[in-house]
Amino acid sequence: MGDRIEGRIDGQLGAAGDSGPENAVERTLTRLRRIDSRPDPTLAPPPAPQGDAPATPLTLADLYRDHRMRLVRLAVLLVDQSATAEDVVQEAFTGLHRHWSGLRDEAAAVAYLRTAVVNGSRSVLRRRRTAREYVAPHAVNARSAESLAMLSAEHQSVVDALGSLPPRQREVLVLRYYGGLSEAEIAAAAGISRGTVKSTASRALDTVARVLAERSGGH
């Protein structure tokens, strides 16, 4: 049933205009978001509430279980390397632990984690440029590799095109279409104004369109 529903959604997205770069990016990252939102079978589900027992307070373990995989994928899309992405997310959770007393609200905690992942990814890219390291793109972990393997060739080409963007442009598109964030949320996570979010997204989509056209031979 889920795959049939996803197929219908993909069809609806495609019908909205297959040729535009925004539609291509949206289809690809929305597809990834749906794949990565599926429960991880290696993790135990949370215990079911017993009768009228009061809800238990949110814990770091709850956040880790519910959000870690999506944050790892977010970091992978930003830094192109699985082990580094895992480190970035681990540092984000470490920082959350230090600030936990002031972030008991789940929405605030998740916003903190997203911002920490964006900032951590920026730091990685700055160090990488300084050291002039070469990192093979999309060397992802098993679950991330499985996600990418479920994408069509068209989706794969969009992921590759995203990898060619400057870091800020990639951040904005990944947060918008994979993270599903509003302009205000992207501005908060990336530390930029809403106007900069709009202009950066526009430039990024123009670049994606150009890269896709060049790689397809201009057709």
N, C-alpha and C. Protein backbone atom coordinates (compact mmCIF):
# COMPACT_ATOMS: atom_id res chain seq x y z
N MET A 1 0.82 -1.20 0.00
CA MET A 1 0.00 0.00 0.00
C MET A 1 0.86 1.26 0.00
N GLY A 2 1.89 1.28 0.90
CA GLY A 2 2.75 2.46 0.98
C GLY A 2 3.43 2.77 -0.33
N ASP A 3 3.95 1.72 -1.03
CA ASP A 3 4.63 1.95 -2.30
C ASP A 3 3.67 2.49 -3.34
N ARG A 4 2.39 2.00 -3.32
CA ARG A 4 1.42 2.49 -4.30
C ARG A 4 1.12 3.96 -4.05
N ILE A 5 0.99 4.32 -2.76
CA ILE A 5 0.74 5.72 -2.42
C ILE A 5 1.91 6.58 -2.87
N GLU A 6 3.15 6.11 -2.59
CA GLU A 6 4.33 6.87 -3.00
C GLU A 6 4.36 7.04 -4.51
N GLY A 7 3.98 5.98 -5.24
CA GLY A 7 3.97 6.07 -6.68
C GLY A 7 3.01 7.12 -7.18
N ARG A 8 1.82 7.18 -6.53
CA ARG A 8 0.85 8.20 -6.93
C ARG A 8 1.39 9.60 -6.64
N ILE A 9 2.03 9.76 -5.47
CA ILE A 9 2.59 11.07 -5.13
C ILE A 9 3.67 11.45 -6.12
N ASP A 10 4.56 10.48 -6.46
CA ASP A 10 5.60 10.78 -7.45
C ASP A 10 4.98 11.21 -8.77
N GLY A 11 3.89 10.53 -9.16
CA GLY A 11 3.22 10.88 -10.40
C GLY A 11 2.64 12.27 -10.36
N GLN A 12 2.05 12.63 -9.21
CA GLN A 12 1.49 13.96 -9.07
C GLN A 12 2.57 15.02 -9.13
N LEU A 13 3.71 14.75 -8.47
CA LEU A 13 4.81 15.70 -8.52
C LEU A 13 5.32 15.84 -9.94
N GLY A 14 5.45 14.72 -10.64
CA GLY A 14 5.94 14.76 -12.00
C GLY A 14 5.01 15.54 -12.90
N ALA A 15 3.67 15.36 -12.67
CA ALA A 15 2.71 16.04 -13.51
C ALA A 15 2.77 17.55 -13.35
N ALA A 16 3.33 18.01 -12.22
CA ALA A 16 3.42 19.45 -11.98
C ALA A 16 4.42 20.13 -12.88
N GLY A 17 5.23 19.35 -13.61
CA GLY A 17 6.20 19.97 -14.51
C GLY A 17 7.53 19.29 -14.40
N ASP A 18 7.77 18.35 -15.32
CA ASP A 18 8.95 17.51 -15.20
C ASP A 18 10.23 18.26 -15.51
N SER A 19 10.16 19.32 -16.31
CA SER A 19 11.38 19.91 -16.83
C SER A 19 12.03 20.91 -15.89
N GLY A 20 11.31 21.46 -14.93
CA GLY A 20 11.86 22.51 -14.09
C GLY A 20 12.80 21.97 -13.04
N PRO A 21 13.89 22.69 -12.75
CA PRO A 21 14.85 22.22 -11.74
C PRO A 21 14.23 22.12 -10.36
N GLU A 22 13.30 23.04 -10.02
CA GLU A 22 12.68 22.96 -8.70
C GLU A 22 11.88 21.68 -8.56
N ASN A 23 11.15 21.30 -9.61
CA ASN A 23 10.38 20.06 -9.56
C ASN A 23 11.30 18.85 -9.45
N ALA A 24 12.42 18.88 -10.17
CA ALA A 24 13.35 17.75 -10.12
C ALA A 24 13.96 17.60 -8.73
N VAL A 25 14.38 18.72 -8.13
CA VAL A 25 14.96 18.68 -6.79
C VAL A 25 13.90 18.26 -5.78
N GLU A 26 12.70 18.81 -5.90
CA GLU A 26 11.64 18.47 -4.96
C GLU A 26 11.29 16.99 -5.03
N ARG A 27 11.15 16.47 -6.24
CA ARG A 27 10.81 15.05 -6.38
C ARG A 27 11.89 14.17 -5.75
N THR A 28 13.15 14.51 -6.02
CA THR A 28 14.25 13.67 -5.54
C THR A 28 14.35 13.70 -4.02
N LEU A 29 14.40 14.88 -3.44
CA LEU A 29 14.62 14.97 -2.00
C LEU A 29 13.37 14.60 -1.21
N THR A 30 12.19 14.81 -1.78
CA THR A 30 10.97 14.34 -1.13
C THR A 30 10.94 12.83 -1.12
N ARG A 31 11.37 12.23 -2.22
CA ARG A 31 11.45 10.75 -2.28
C ARG A 31 12.42 10.23 -1.22
N LEU A 32 13.59 10.86 -1.11
CA LEU A 32 14.55 10.45 -0.08
C LEU A 32 13.98 10.63 1.32
N ARG A 33 13.26 11.73 1.52
CA ARG A 33 12.69 11.98 2.84
C ARG A 33 11.69 10.88 3.21
N ARG A 34 10.88 10.45 2.26
CA ARG A 34 9.91 9.40 2.55
C ARG A 34 10.61 8.07 2.84
N ILE A 35 11.66 7.77 2.06
CA ILE A 35 12.40 6.53 2.29
C ILE A 35 13.02 6.54 3.68
N ASP A 36 13.68 7.64 4.03
CA ASP A 36 14.41 7.72 5.29
C ASP A 36 13.49 7.90 6.50
N SER A 37 12.22 8.21 6.25
CA SER A 37 11.28 8.35 7.36
C SER A 37 10.70 7.01 7.78
N ARG A 38 10.93 5.98 7.00
CA ARG A 38 10.44 4.66 7.39
C ARG A 38 11.17 4.20 8.65
N PRO A 39 10.49 3.45 9.51
CA PRO A 39 11.15 2.98 10.73
C PRO A 39 12.39 2.16 10.42
N ASP A 40 13.43 2.38 11.19
CA ASP A 40 14.65 1.59 11.05
C ASP A 40 14.43 0.24 11.74
N PRO A 41 14.46 -0.87 10.99
CA PRO A 41 14.17 -2.18 11.60
C PRO A 41 15.21 -2.61 12.62
N THR A 42 16.36 -1.96 12.66
CA THR A 42 17.39 -2.34 13.63
C THR A 42 17.15 -1.72 15.00
N LEU A 43 16.17 -0.80 15.09
CA LEU A 43 15.90 -0.13 16.35
C LEU A 43 14.61 -0.65 16.95
N ALA A 44 14.60 -0.83 18.26
CA ALA A 44 13.40 -1.28 18.94
C ALA A 44 12.39 -0.14 18.98
N PRO A 45 11.09 -0.43 18.77
CA PRO A 45 10.08 0.62 18.86
C PRO A 45 9.91 1.09 20.29
N PRO A 46 9.42 2.30 20.48
CA PRO A 46 9.18 2.78 21.85
C PRO A 46 8.12 1.93 22.52
N PRO A 47 8.18 1.77 23.85
CA PRO A 47 7.18 0.96 24.53
C PRO A 47 5.80 1.60 24.43
N ALA A 48 4.77 0.76 24.27
CA ALA A 48 3.41 1.27 24.18
C ALA A 48 2.93 1.74 25.55
N PRO A 49 2.16 2.84 25.59
CA PRO A 49 1.66 3.31 26.87
C PRO A 49 0.70 2.30 27.49
N GLN A 50 0.72 2.21 28.80
CA GLN A 50 -0.11 1.26 29.53
C GLN A 50 -1.34 1.97 30.08
N GLY A 51 -2.52 1.64 29.52
CA GLY A 51 -3.76 2.20 30.03
C GLY A 51 -3.77 3.70 30.05
N ASP A 52 -4.10 4.27 31.21
CA ASP A 52 -4.17 5.72 31.35
C ASP A 52 -2.91 6.30 31.97
N ALA A 53 -1.80 5.58 31.83
CA ALA A 53 -0.55 6.06 32.41
C ALA A 53 -0.17 7.40 31.79
N PRO A 54 0.33 8.33 32.57
CA PRO A 54 0.72 9.65 32.02
C PRO A 54 1.89 9.51 31.05
N ALA A 55 1.94 10.42 30.10
CA ALA A 55 3.03 10.41 29.13
C ALA A 55 4.36 10.62 29.84
N THR A 56 5.36 9.84 29.43
CA THR A 56 6.68 9.99 30.04
C THR A 56 7.39 11.19 29.43
N PRO A 57 8.25 11.86 30.20
CA PRO A 57 8.96 13.03 29.68
C PRO A 57 9.86 12.65 28.50
N LEU A 58 10.02 13.60 27.59
CA LEU A 58 10.92 13.41 26.46
C LEU A 58 12.34 13.19 26.94
N THR A 59 13.04 12.23 26.35
CA THR A 59 14.42 11.96 26.72
C THR A 59 15.32 12.11 25.50
N LEU A 60 16.61 12.21 25.76
CA LEU A 60 17.58 12.23 24.67
C LEU A 60 17.50 10.94 23.85
N ALA A 61 17.25 9.83 24.52
CA ALA A 61 17.13 8.55 23.81
C ALA A 61 15.96 8.60 22.83
N ASP A 62 14.85 9.24 23.23
CA ASP A 62 13.71 9.37 22.32
C ASP A 62 14.11 10.15 21.07
N LEU A 63 14.77 11.27 21.27
CA LEU A 63 15.19 12.11 20.14
C LEU A 63 16.17 11.36 19.25
N TYR A 64 17.09 10.64 19.87
CA TYR A 64 18.08 9.89 19.10
C TYR A 64 17.39 8.84 18.23
N ARG A 65 16.45 8.12 18.83
CA ARG A 65 15.74 7.08 18.10
C ARG A 65 14.91 7.66 16.95
N ASP A 66 14.24 8.77 17.21
CA ASP A 66 13.28 9.31 16.24
C ASP A 66 13.91 10.18 15.16
N HIS A 67 15.06 10.80 15.44
CA HIS A 67 15.58 11.81 14.52
C HIS A 67 16.99 11.55 14.00
N ARG A 68 17.70 10.62 14.57
CA ARG A 68 19.10 10.44 14.20
C ARG A 68 19.27 10.14 12.71
N MET A 69 18.48 9.19 12.18
CA MET A 69 18.72 8.78 10.80
C MET A 69 18.49 9.92 9.83
N ARG A 70 17.43 10.70 10.06
CA ARG A 70 17.18 11.84 9.18
C ARG A 70 18.30 12.86 9.28
N LEU A 71 18.84 13.06 10.48
CA LEU A 71 19.93 14.02 10.65
C LEU A 71 21.21 13.52 9.97
N VAL A 72 21.44 12.21 10.04
CA VAL A 72 22.61 11.65 9.35
C VAL A 72 22.48 11.86 7.85
N ARG A 73 21.30 11.59 7.30
CA ARG A 73 21.11 11.80 5.86
C ARG A 73 21.29 13.28 5.52
N LEU A 74 20.75 14.16 6.36
CA LEU A 74 20.94 15.60 6.13
C LEU A 74 22.42 15.92 6.04
N ALA A 75 23.20 15.40 6.99
CA ALA A 75 24.63 15.66 7.00
C ALA A 75 25.32 15.03 5.80
N VAL A 76 24.90 13.82 5.41
CA VAL A 76 25.48 13.17 4.23
C VAL A 76 25.26 14.03 2.99
N LEU A 77 24.05 14.56 2.85
CA LEU A 77 23.76 15.40 1.68
C LEU A 77 24.58 16.69 1.69
N LEU A 78 25.05 17.10 2.87
CA LEU A 78 25.84 18.33 2.97
C LEU A 78 27.33 18.09 2.84
N VAL A 79 27.83 16.95 3.35
CA VAL A 79 29.29 16.74 3.37
C VAL A 79 29.75 15.58 2.51
N ASP A 80 28.82 14.78 1.95
CA ASP A 80 29.16 13.73 0.99
C ASP A 80 29.94 12.55 1.57
N GLN A 81 30.00 12.40 2.85
CA GLN A 81 30.80 11.30 3.40
C GLN A 81 30.13 10.76 4.66
N SER A 82 29.90 9.44 4.66
CA SER A 82 29.12 8.83 5.74
C SER A 82 29.76 8.97 7.10
N ALA A 83 31.02 8.59 7.22
CA ALA A 83 31.67 8.62 8.54
C ALA A 83 31.69 10.03 9.10
N THR A 84 31.96 11.01 8.24
CA THR A 84 31.97 12.40 8.68
C THR A 84 30.58 12.84 9.11
N ALA A 85 29.57 12.44 8.35
CA ALA A 85 28.19 12.78 8.70
C ALA A 85 27.82 12.21 10.06
N GLU A 86 28.21 10.98 10.31
CA GLU A 86 27.94 10.36 11.61
C GLU A 86 28.60 11.17 12.73
N ASP A 87 29.83 11.62 12.50
CA ASP A 87 30.53 12.41 13.51
C ASP A 87 29.82 13.74 13.75
N VAL A 88 29.37 14.38 12.68
CA VAL A 88 28.68 15.66 12.82
C VAL A 88 27.42 15.50 13.66
N VAL A 89 26.65 14.45 13.39
CA VAL A 89 25.41 14.22 14.13
C VAL A 89 25.71 13.86 15.59
N GLN A 90 26.76 13.07 15.80
CA GLN A 90 27.12 12.72 17.17
C GLN A 90 27.50 13.97 17.96
N GLU A 91 28.24 14.88 17.33
CA GLU A 91 28.59 16.14 18.00
C GLU A 91 27.35 16.97 18.29
N ALA A 92 26.39 16.94 17.38
CA ALA A 92 25.15 17.69 17.60
C ALA A 92 24.41 17.16 18.83
N PHE A 93 24.34 15.85 18.97
CA PHE A 93 23.68 15.26 20.14
C PHE A 93 24.47 15.52 21.42
N THR A 94 25.80 15.54 21.30
CA THR A 94 26.61 15.87 22.46
C THR A 94 26.34 17.30 22.93
N GLY A 95 26.23 18.22 21.97
CA GLY A 95 25.89 19.60 22.31
C GLY A 95 24.50 19.70 22.92
N LEU A 96 23.56 18.92 22.38
CA LEU A 96 22.21 18.94 22.93
C LEU A 96 22.22 18.46 24.39
N HIS A 97 23.02 17.46 24.67
CA HIS A 97 23.12 16.96 26.04
C HIS A 97 23.59 18.07 26.98
N ARG A 98 24.54 18.88 26.51
CA ARG A 98 25.05 19.96 27.35
C ARG A 98 24.00 21.03 27.61
N HIS A 99 23.07 21.21 26.65
CA HIS A 99 22.05 22.26 26.77
C HIS A 99 20.67 21.68 27.12
N TRP A 100 20.65 20.43 27.54
CA TRP A 100 19.38 19.73 27.68
C TRP A 100 18.43 20.39 28.67
N SER A 101 18.94 20.98 29.73
CA SER A 101 18.08 21.55 30.76
C SER A 101 17.21 22.68 30.22
N GLY A 102 17.68 23.35 29.16
CA GLY A 102 16.90 24.45 28.60
C GLY A 102 16.14 24.09 27.34
N LEU A 103 16.14 22.80 26.94
CA LEU A 103 15.52 22.40 25.68
C LEU A 103 14.63 21.18 25.85
N ARG A 104 13.79 21.17 26.85
CA ARG A 104 12.91 20.03 27.08
C ARG A 104 11.82 19.92 26.02
N ASP A 105 11.51 21.01 25.33
CA ASP A 105 10.51 20.98 24.28
C ASP A 105 11.10 20.31 23.03
N GLU A 106 10.36 19.36 22.46
CA GLU A 106 10.90 18.59 21.33
C GLU A 106 11.18 19.48 20.12
N ALA A 107 10.28 20.41 19.81
CA ALA A 107 10.50 21.27 18.64
C ALA A 107 11.77 22.09 18.80
N ALA A 108 12.00 22.62 19.99
CA ALA A 108 13.22 23.41 20.23
C ALA A 108 14.45 22.52 20.14
N ALA A 109 14.35 21.30 20.67
CA ALA A 109 15.49 20.38 20.63
C ALA A 109 15.84 19.98 19.20
N VAL A 110 14.82 19.70 18.38
CA VAL A 110 15.07 19.32 16.99
C VAL A 110 15.64 20.51 16.21
N ALA A 111 15.14 21.71 16.48
CA ALA A 111 15.70 22.90 15.82
C ALA A 111 17.16 23.07 16.20
N TYR A 112 17.49 22.84 17.47
CA TYR A 112 18.88 22.92 17.91
C TYR A 112 19.74 21.91 17.14
N LEU A 113 19.24 20.68 17.02
CA LEU A 113 20.01 19.64 16.33
C LEU A 113 20.23 19.99 14.86
N ARG A 114 19.18 20.50 14.19
CA ARG A 114 19.34 20.87 12.78
C ARG A 114 20.40 21.94 12.62
N THR A 115 20.33 22.98 13.46
CA THR A 115 21.31 24.06 13.37
C THR A 115 22.71 23.54 13.65
N ALA A 116 22.84 22.65 14.64
CA ALA A 116 24.15 22.09 14.96
C ALA A 116 24.70 21.26 13.81
N VAL A 117 23.83 20.52 13.12
CA VAL A 117 24.28 19.72 11.97
C VAL A 117 24.73 20.63 10.83
N VAL A 118 23.98 21.70 10.56
CA VAL A 118 24.37 22.64 9.51
C VAL A 118 25.72 23.27 9.85
N ASN A 119 25.86 23.75 11.08
CA ASN A 119 27.12 24.40 11.48
C ASN A 119 28.27 23.41 11.48
N GLY A 120 28.02 22.19 11.96
CA GLY A 120 29.07 21.18 11.95
C GLY A 120 29.50 20.82 10.55
N SER A 121 28.53 20.74 9.63
CA SER A 121 28.86 20.44 8.23
C SER A 121 29.68 21.56 7.61
N ARG A 122 29.32 22.81 7.94
CA ARG A 122 30.12 23.94 7.43
C ARG A 122 31.56 23.85 7.91
N SER A 123 31.74 23.51 9.17
CA SER A 123 33.10 23.40 9.71
C SER A 123 33.89 22.32 8.98
N VAL A 124 33.23 21.21 8.71
CA VAL A 124 33.89 20.13 7.98
C VAL A 124 34.34 20.62 6.60
N LEU A 125 33.44 21.30 5.90
CA LEU A 125 33.78 21.76 4.55
C LEU A 125 34.89 22.81 4.57
N ARG A 126 34.89 23.67 5.60
CA ARG A 126 36.00 24.64 5.71
C ARG A 126 37.33 23.92 5.91
N ARG A 127 37.33 22.94 6.81
CA ARG A 127 38.59 22.19 7.04
C ARG A 127 39.01 21.43 5.80
N ARG A 128 38.04 20.91 5.09
CA ARG A 128 38.34 20.15 3.88
C ARG A 128 38.97 21.04 2.83
N ARG A 129 38.42 22.25 2.66
CA ARG A 129 39.01 23.17 1.68
C ARG A 129 40.42 23.57 2.08
N THR A 130 40.61 23.81 3.39
CA THR A 130 41.93 24.21 3.86
C THR A 130 42.95 23.12 3.61
N ALA A 131 42.56 21.88 3.90
CA ALA A 131 43.47 20.75 3.73
C ALA A 131 43.53 20.25 2.29
N ARG A 132 42.61 20.79 1.43
CA ARG A 132 42.50 20.34 0.05
C ARG A 132 42.37 18.82 -0.02
N GLU A 133 41.50 18.30 0.84
CA GLU A 133 41.25 16.86 0.83
C GLU A 133 40.36 16.51 -0.35
N TYR A 134 40.56 15.32 -0.86
CA TYR A 134 39.60 14.79 -1.83
C TYR A 134 38.78 13.73 -1.13
N VAL A 135 37.47 13.88 -1.17
CA VAL A 135 36.57 12.89 -0.59
C VAL A 135 35.64 12.40 -1.68
N ALA A 136 35.64 11.11 -1.92
CA ALA A 136 34.76 10.57 -2.95
C ALA A 136 33.31 10.86 -2.57
N PRO A 137 32.51 11.40 -3.49
CA PRO A 137 31.15 11.78 -3.15
C PRO A 137 30.25 10.58 -2.87
N HIS A 138 29.35 10.79 -1.91
CA HIS A 138 28.28 9.85 -1.61
C HIS A 138 28.77 8.47 -1.21
N ALA A 139 29.88 8.41 -0.44
CA ALA A 139 30.34 7.14 0.13
C ALA A 139 29.55 6.94 1.42
N VAL A 140 28.32 6.47 1.30
CA VAL A 140 27.37 6.51 2.40
C VAL A 140 27.32 5.18 3.14
N ASN A 141 26.70 5.21 4.34
CA ASN A 141 26.59 3.99 5.12
C ASN A 141 25.53 3.07 4.54
N ALA A 142 25.35 1.90 5.15
CA ALA A 142 24.49 0.88 4.55
C ALA A 142 23.06 1.38 4.36
N ARG A 143 22.49 2.00 5.39
CA ARG A 143 21.11 2.45 5.25
C ARG A 143 21.00 3.60 4.26
N SER A 144 21.97 4.52 4.27
CA SER A 144 21.94 5.61 3.30
C SER A 144 22.15 5.08 1.89
N ALA A 145 23.03 4.11 1.73
CA ALA A 145 23.25 3.52 0.41
C ALA A 145 21.98 2.84 -0.08
N GLU A 146 21.26 2.19 0.83
CA GLU A 146 20.00 1.56 0.45
C GLU A 146 19.02 2.61 -0.04
N SER A 147 18.98 3.75 0.64
CA SER A 147 18.09 4.83 0.22
C SER A 147 18.42 5.30 -1.18
N LEU A 148 19.70 5.54 -1.45
CA LEU A 148 20.10 6.01 -2.77
C LEU A 148 19.83 4.96 -3.84
N ALA A 149 19.99 3.69 -3.48
CA ALA A 149 19.76 2.62 -4.45
C ALA A 149 18.30 2.55 -4.87
N MET A 150 17.40 3.08 -4.05
CA MET A 150 15.98 3.05 -4.36
C MET A 150 15.56 4.22 -5.24
N LEU A 151 16.52 5.06 -5.60
CA LEU A 151 16.21 6.20 -6.46
C LEU A 151 16.39 5.82 -7.93
N SER A 152 15.60 6.46 -8.78
CA SER A 152 15.76 6.26 -10.22
C SER A 152 17.03 6.95 -10.69
N ALA A 153 17.41 6.66 -11.94
CA ALA A 153 18.59 7.31 -12.50
C ALA A 153 18.41 8.82 -12.54
N GLU A 154 17.17 9.28 -12.81
CA GLU A 154 16.91 10.71 -12.82
C GLU A 154 17.15 11.32 -11.44
N HIS A 155 16.65 10.65 -10.40
CA HIS A 155 16.86 11.13 -9.05
C HIS A 155 18.35 11.15 -8.70
N GLN A 156 19.06 10.08 -9.11
CA GLN A 156 20.49 10.00 -8.82
C GLN A 156 21.23 11.18 -9.45
N SER A 157 20.83 11.56 -10.64
CA SER A 157 21.51 12.67 -11.32
C SER A 157 21.28 13.98 -10.58
N VAL A 158 20.10 14.13 -9.97
CA VAL A 158 19.83 15.34 -9.20
C VAL A 158 20.69 15.38 -7.94
N VAL A 159 20.81 14.22 -7.25
CA VAL A 159 21.68 14.15 -6.07
C VAL A 159 23.10 14.53 -6.45
N ASP A 160 23.59 14.03 -7.59
CA ASP A 160 24.93 14.37 -8.05
C ASP A 160 25.05 15.86 -8.34
N ALA A 161 24.01 16.43 -8.94
CA ALA A 161 24.04 17.87 -9.24
C ALA A 161 24.07 18.70 -7.97
N LEU A 162 23.35 18.26 -6.95
CA LEU A 162 23.38 18.97 -5.66
C LEU A 162 24.79 18.99 -5.10
N GLY A 163 25.53 17.89 -5.32
CA GLY A 163 26.90 17.82 -4.82
C GLY A 163 27.83 18.82 -5.45
N SER A 164 27.45 19.40 -6.58
CA SER A 164 28.31 20.38 -7.26
C SER A 164 28.03 21.81 -6.79
N LEU A 165 27.01 22.00 -5.95
CA LEU A 165 26.66 23.35 -5.51
C LEU A 165 27.61 23.87 -4.45
N PRO A 166 27.78 25.19 -4.35
CA PRO A 166 28.47 25.77 -3.19
C PRO A 166 27.73 25.38 -1.91
N PRO A 167 28.45 25.29 -0.80
CA PRO A 167 27.83 24.79 0.44
C PRO A 167 26.55 25.51 0.85
N ARG A 168 26.51 26.85 0.78
CA ARG A 168 25.32 27.57 1.23
C ARG A 168 24.12 27.23 0.35
N GLN A 169 24.34 27.15 -0.96
CA GLN A 169 23.23 26.82 -1.85
C GLN A 169 22.72 25.40 -1.60
N ARG A 170 23.64 24.49 -1.38
CA ARG A 170 23.23 23.12 -1.11
C ARG A 170 22.45 23.05 0.21
N GLU A 171 22.91 23.76 1.22
CA GLU A 171 22.21 23.80 2.51
C GLU A 171 20.75 24.19 2.33
N VAL A 172 20.55 25.28 1.58
CA VAL A 172 19.19 25.81 1.45
C VAL A 172 18.28 24.80 0.75
N LEU A 173 18.74 24.19 -0.34
CA LEU A 173 17.89 23.25 -1.04
C LEU A 173 17.66 21.97 -0.23
N VAL A 174 18.69 21.48 0.44
CA VAL A 174 18.52 20.27 1.24
C VAL A 174 17.57 20.52 2.41
N LEU A 175 17.72 21.65 3.08
CA LEU A 175 16.83 21.96 4.20
C LEU A 175 15.40 22.16 3.72
N ARG A 176 15.25 22.76 2.55
CA ARG A 176 13.89 23.02 2.04
C ARG A 176 13.20 21.73 1.59
N TYR A 177 13.86 20.95 0.76
CA TYR A 177 13.16 19.84 0.12
C TYR A 177 13.37 18.50 0.83
N TYR A 178 14.51 18.31 1.45
CA TYR A 178 14.69 17.09 2.25
C TYR A 178 14.22 17.33 3.68
N GLY A 179 14.62 18.46 4.26
CA GLY A 179 14.21 18.76 5.62
C GLY A 179 12.76 19.19 5.73
N GLY A 180 12.17 19.67 4.62
CA GLY A 180 10.80 20.11 4.64
C GLY A 180 10.58 21.36 5.47
N LEU A 181 11.60 22.23 5.55
CA LEU A 181 11.52 23.41 6.41
C LEU A 181 10.93 24.60 5.66
N SER A 182 10.33 25.49 6.41
CA SER A 182 9.84 26.75 5.85
C SER A 182 11.01 27.70 5.67
N GLU A 183 10.77 28.82 4.96
CA GLU A 183 11.83 29.82 4.79
C GLU A 183 12.33 30.33 6.14
N ALA A 184 11.40 30.55 7.07
CA ALA A 184 11.79 31.05 8.39
C ALA A 184 12.66 30.03 9.12
N GLU A 185 12.31 28.75 9.02
CA GLU A 185 13.08 27.71 9.70
C GLU A 185 14.46 27.55 9.06
N ILE A 186 14.52 27.66 7.74
CA ILE A 186 15.82 27.58 7.06
C ILE A 186 16.69 28.75 7.49
N ALA A 187 16.10 29.94 7.54
CA ALA A 187 16.86 31.12 7.95
C ALA A 187 17.43 30.93 9.34
N ALA A 188 16.63 30.36 10.25
CA ALA A 188 17.10 30.14 11.62
C ALA A 188 18.20 29.08 11.67
N ALA A 189 18.02 28.00 10.93
CA ALA A 189 19.00 26.91 10.97
C ALA A 189 20.32 27.31 10.32
N ALA A 190 20.24 28.09 9.23
CA ALA A 190 21.44 28.47 8.48
C ALA A 190 22.04 29.79 8.94
N GLY A 191 21.33 30.52 9.80
CA GLY A 191 21.84 31.79 10.29
C GLY A 191 21.86 32.88 9.24
N ILE A 192 20.84 32.90 8.37
CA ILE A 192 20.75 33.91 7.32
C ILE A 192 19.34 34.49 7.33
N SER A 193 19.13 35.57 6.56
CA SER A 193 17.82 36.19 6.50
C SER A 193 16.90 35.42 5.55
N ARG A 194 15.59 35.66 5.68
CA ARG A 194 14.65 35.00 4.79
C ARG A 194 14.86 35.46 3.35
N GLY A 195 15.23 36.73 3.16
CA GLY A 195 15.52 37.20 1.82
C GLY A 195 16.70 36.48 1.21
N THR A 196 17.71 36.20 2.03
CA THR A 196 18.88 35.45 1.54
C THR A 196 18.50 34.02 1.21
N VAL A 197 17.59 33.45 1.98
CA VAL A 197 17.10 32.10 1.68
C VAL A 197 16.50 32.08 0.28
N LYS A 198 15.64 33.06 -0.02
CA LYS A 198 14.98 33.10 -1.33
C LYS A 198 15.98 33.26 -2.47
N SER A 199 16.89 34.23 -2.32
CA SER A 199 17.83 34.49 -3.41
C SER A 199 18.80 33.33 -3.58
N THR A 200 19.21 32.71 -2.47
CA THR A 200 20.13 31.58 -2.55
C THR A 200 19.45 30.38 -3.21
N ALA A 201 18.19 30.14 -2.87
CA ALA A 201 17.46 29.03 -3.49
C ALA A 201 17.33 29.25 -4.99
N SER A 202 17.06 30.48 -5.40
CA SER A 202 16.92 30.78 -6.82
C SER A 202 18.22 30.52 -7.56
N ARG A 203 19.35 30.99 -7.00
CA ARG A 203 20.64 30.75 -7.65
C ARG A 203 20.96 29.26 -7.68
N ALA A 204 20.64 28.57 -6.60
CA ALA A 204 20.93 27.13 -6.53
C ALA A 204 20.15 26.36 -7.59
N LEU A 205 18.87 26.69 -7.76
CA LEU A 205 18.06 25.99 -8.76
C LEU A 205 18.56 26.29 -10.17
N ASP A 206 19.01 27.52 -10.41
CA ASP A 206 19.60 27.85 -11.72
C ASP A 206 20.84 27.00 -11.97
N THR A 207 21.65 26.84 -10.93
CA THR A 207 22.87 26.04 -11.08
C THR A 207 22.54 24.57 -11.33
N VAL A 208 21.57 24.04 -10.59
CA VAL A 208 21.16 22.65 -10.80
C VAL A 208 20.68 22.46 -12.23
N ALA A 209 19.88 23.39 -12.72
CA ALA A 209 19.37 23.29 -14.09
C ALA A 209 20.52 23.26 -15.09
N ARG A 210 21.52 24.13 -14.88
CA ARG A 210 22.66 24.19 -15.79
C ARG A 210 23.47 22.89 -15.75
N VAL A 211 23.71 22.38 -14.53
CA VAL A 211 24.50 21.15 -14.40
C VAL A 211 23.77 19.97 -15.05
N LEU A 212 22.47 19.86 -14.81
CA LEU A 212 21.71 18.76 -15.40
C LEU A 212 21.71 18.85 -16.92
N ALA A 213 21.59 20.08 -17.45
CA ALA A 213 21.62 20.26 -18.90
C ALA A 213 22.97 19.88 -19.49
N GLU A 214 24.04 20.28 -18.80
CA GLU A 214 25.38 19.96 -19.30
C GLU A 214 25.62 18.45 -19.28
N ARG A 215 25.17 17.79 -18.22
CA ARG A 215 25.43 16.35 -18.09
C ARG A 215 24.55 15.52 -19.02
N SER A 216 23.45 16.12 -19.48
CA SER A 216 22.59 15.39 -20.41
C SER A 216 22.91 15.76 -21.86
N GLY A 217 23.97 16.52 -22.04
CA GLY A 217 24.37 16.92 -23.38
C GLY A 217 23.54 18.05 -23.94
N GLY A 218 22.88 18.79 -23.00
CA GLY A 218 22.11 19.94 -23.45
C GLY A 218 20.74 19.60 -23.94
N HIS A 219 20.32 18.30 -23.81
CA HIS A 219 19.00 17.91 -24.30
C HIS A 219 17.98 18.07 -23.20
